[in-house]
C-alpha atoms as a PDB file:
ATOM      1  CA  MET A   1     -16.393  -3.347  11.874  1.00  0.00           C
ATOM      2  CA  ASN A   2     -18.090  -1.685   9.267  1.00  0.00           C
ATOM      3  CA  LYS A   3     -16.625  -1.487   5.586  1.00  0.00           C
ATOM      4  CA  ILE A   4     -16.007   2.212   6.017  1.00  0.00           C
ATOM      5  CA  HIS A   5     -13.665   1.372   8.934  1.00  0.00           C
ATOM      6  CA  LEU A   6     -11.946  -1.214   7.002  1.00  0.00           C
ATOM      7  CA  PHE A   7     -10.995   1.161   4.061  1.00  0.00           C
ATOM      8  CA  ASP A   8      -9.506   3.910   6.332  1.00  0.00           C
ATOM      9  CA  LYS A   9      -6.203   2.018   6.401  1.00  0.00           C
ATOM     10  CA  ILE A  10      -5.830   1.768   2.615  1.00  0.00           C
ATOM     11  CA  LEU A  11      -5.604   5.020   0.719  1.00  0.00           C
ATOM     12  CA  SER A  12      -4.694   3.585  -2.603  1.00  0.00           C
ATOM     13  CA  PRO A  13      -2.901   0.974  -4.347  1.00  0.00           C
ATOM     14  CA  LEU A  14       0.551   2.081  -6.077  1.00  0.00           C
ATOM     15  CA  VAL A  15       0.915   0.906  -9.675  1.00  0.00           C
ATOM     16  CA  THR A  16       4.582   1.586 -10.760  1.00  0.00           C
ATOM     17  CA  GLU A  17       6.759  -0.398 -12.716  1.00  0.00           C
ATOM     18  CA  LYS A  18       8.571  -1.589  -9.657  1.00  0.00           C
ATOM     19  CA  SER A  19       5.319  -2.452  -7.787  1.00  0.00           C
ATOM     20  CA  THR A  20       4.193  -4.377 -10.968  1.00  0.00           C
ATOM     21  CA  ASN A  21       7.427  -6.437 -10.984  1.00  0.00           C
ATOM     22  CA  LEU A  22       6.685  -7.216  -7.205  1.00  0.00           C
ATOM     23  CA  SER A  23       3.294  -8.676  -8.065  1.00  0.00           C
ATOM     24  CA  GLU A  24       5.110 -11.712  -9.633  1.00  0.00           C
ATOM     25  CA  GLN A  25       6.349 -12.494  -6.125  1.00  0.00           C
ATOM     26  CA  ASN A  26       2.807 -12.385  -4.614  1.00  0.00           C
ATOM     27  CA  LYS A  27       3.553  -8.799  -3.329  1.00  0.00           C
ATOM     28  CA  ILE A  28       1.004  -5.927  -3.579  1.00  0.00           C
ATOM     29  CA  VAL A  29       1.935  -2.214  -2.609  1.00  0.00           C
ATOM     30  CA  PHE A  30      -0.597   0.154  -1.157  1.00  0.00           C
ATOM     31  CA  ARG A  31      -0.368   3.752   0.228  1.00  0.00           C
ATOM     32  CA  VAL A  32      -1.582   4.010   3.601  1.00  0.00           C
ATOM     33  CA  PRO A  33      -1.913   6.771   6.329  1.00  0.00           C
ATOM     34  CA  PHE A  34       0.967   7.512   8.637  1.00  0.00           C
ATOM     35  CA  ASN A  35      -0.635   6.310  11.568  1.00  0.00           C
ATOM     36  CA  ALA A  36      -1.329   2.692  10.029  1.00  0.00           C
ATOM     37  CA  ASN A  37       0.360  -0.335  11.699  1.00  0.00           C
ATOM     38  CA  LYS A  38       1.004  -3.844  10.637  1.00  0.00           C
ATOM     39  CA  LYS A  39      -1.358  -5.551  12.805  1.00  0.00           C
ATOM     40  CA  ASN A  40      -4.547  -3.562  11.678  1.00  0.00           C
ATOM     41  CA  LEU A  41      -3.496  -3.404   8.079  1.00  0.00           C
ATOM     42  CA  LYS A  42      -3.270  -7.281   7.884  1.00  0.00           C
ATOM     43  CA  THR A  43      -6.739  -7.978   9.537  1.00  0.00           C
ATOM     44  CA  ASN A  44      -8.214  -5.116   7.007  1.00  0.00           C
ATOM     45  CA  ILE A  45      -6.682  -6.510   3.915  1.00  0.00           C
ATOM     46  CA  GLU A  46      -7.743  -9.965   4.997  1.00  0.00           C
ATOM     47  CA  LYS A  47     -11.385  -9.143   5.451  1.00  0.00           C
ATOM     48  CA  ILE A  48     -11.400  -6.804   2.517  1.00  0.00           C
ATOM     49  CA  PHE A  49      -9.925  -8.971  -0.142  1.00  0.00           C
ATOM     50  CA  LYS A  50     -10.360 -12.472   1.494  1.00  0.00           C
ATOM     51  CA  VAL A  51      -6.751 -13.461   1.186  1.00  0.00           C
ATOM     52  CA  ASN A  52      -4.076 -14.542   3.451  1.00  0.00           C
ATOM     53  CA  VAL A  53      -1.370 -12.103   4.501  1.00  0.00           C
ATOM     54  CA  THR A  54       1.953 -13.744   5.571  1.00  0.00           C
ATOM     55  CA  LYS A  55       4.164 -10.663   5.653  1.00  0.00           C
ATOM     56  CA  ILE A  56       3.939  -6.733   5.671  1.00  0.00           C
ATOM     57  CA  ASN A  57       6.803  -4.317   5.270  1.00  0.00           C
ATOM     58  CA  MET A  58       6.211  -0.525   5.822  1.00  0.00           C
ATOM     59  CA  ILE A  59       8.309   2.253   4.195  1.00  0.00           C
ATOM     60  CA  ASN A  60       8.108   5.605   5.254  1.00  0.00           C
ATOM     61  CA  LYS A  61       8.996   8.273   2.458  1.00  0.00           C
ATOM     62  CA  LYS A  62      10.076  11.746   3.920  1.00  0.00           C
ATOM     63  CA  ASN A  63       9.232  15.018   2.567  1.00  0.00           C
ATOM     64  CA  ARG A  64      11.843  16.620   0.452  1.00  0.00           C
ATOM     65  CA  ILE A  65      12.383  19.921  -1.584  1.00  0.00           C
ATOM     66  CA  LYS A  66      12.708  19.451  -5.334  1.00  0.00           C
ATOM     67  CA  PHE A  67      14.136  22.105  -7.678  1.00  0.00           C
ATOM     68  CA  THR A  68      11.866  22.597 -10.827  1.00  0.00           C
ATOM     69  CA  ARG A  69      12.612  25.348 -13.395  1.00  0.00           C
ATOM     70  CA  GLY A  70      14.754  27.118 -10.761  1.00  0.00           C
ATOM     71  CA  ARG A  71      12.164  27.109  -7.990  1.00  0.00           C
ATOM     72  CA  LYS A  72      11.801  24.999  -4.915  1.00  0.00           C
ATOM     73  CA  VAL A  73       8.942  22.692  -4.914  1.00  0.00           C
ATOM     74  CA  ASN A  74       7.970  20.672  -1.727  1.00  0.00           C
ATOM     75  CA  VAL A  75       7.150  17.068  -2.464  1.00  0.00           C
ATOM     76  CA  SER A  76       5.017  15.753   0.246  1.00  0.00           C
ATOM     77  CA  GLY A  77       5.927  12.327   1.827  1.00  0.00           C
ATOM     78  CA  PHE A  78       3.856   9.365   2.297  1.00  0.00           C
ATOM     79  CA  LYS A  79       3.810   5.728   3.902  1.00  0.00           C
ATOM     80  CA  LYS A  80       3.588   2.534   1.802  1.00  0.00           C
ATOM     81  CA  ALA A  81       3.091  -1.104   2.711  1.00  0.00           C
ATOM     82  CA  ILE A  82       4.274  -4.053   0.746  1.00  0.00           C
ATOM     83  CA  VAL A  83       1.945  -6.924   1.517  1.00  0.00           C
ATOM     84  CA  THR A  84       3.138 -10.438   0.755  1.00  0.00           C
ATOM     85  CA  LEU A  85       0.192 -12.757  -0.048  1.00  0.00           C
ATOM     86  CA  LYS A  86       0.133 -16.566   0.604  1.00  0.00           C
ATOM     87  CA  LYS A  87       1.547 -18.529  -2.417  1.00  0.00           C
ATOM     88  CA  GLY A  88      -1.019 -18.969  -5.131  1.00  0.00           C
ATOM     89  CA  GLN A  89      -3.341 -15.978  -4.033  1.00  0.00           C
ATOM     90  CA  SER A  90      -3.470 -12.635  -5.806  1.00  0.00           C
ATOM     91  CA  ILE A  91      -5.433  -9.403  -5.608  1.00  0.00           C
ATOM     92  CA  ASP A  92      -6.793  -7.901  -8.883  1.00  0.00           C
ATOM     93  CA  LEU A  93      -6.484  -4.071  -8.527  1.00  0.00           C
ATOM     94  CA  THR A  94      -8.016  -3.437 -11.748  1.00  0.00           C
ATOM     95  CA  THR A  95     -11.566  -4.415 -10.924  1.00  0.00           C
ATOM     96  CA  GLY A  96     -12.041  -2.265  -7.788  1.00  0.00           C
ATOM     97  CA  VAL A  97     -13.660  -3.217  -4.745  1.00  0.00           C
END
């Protein structure tokens, strides 16, 4: 596999307050495409970051309508993956790849 194909399954890391708290438990949150699956995601993360993945949880956020200043606004949905790493390992998201 080329590096280009490895990065196709990871769109971006999600850096929020909740995901930062999860990093204390060796968990990292990534935004992934809707067609991503756990098996391919596990192999890609292990090859890119050279870590051992123990578990992956996928969450599908649906599209929704939000009212802003009296108008309807569509908020697009996305899929995110919570990746649990082996104890003692971590991924530094600030350095880039």
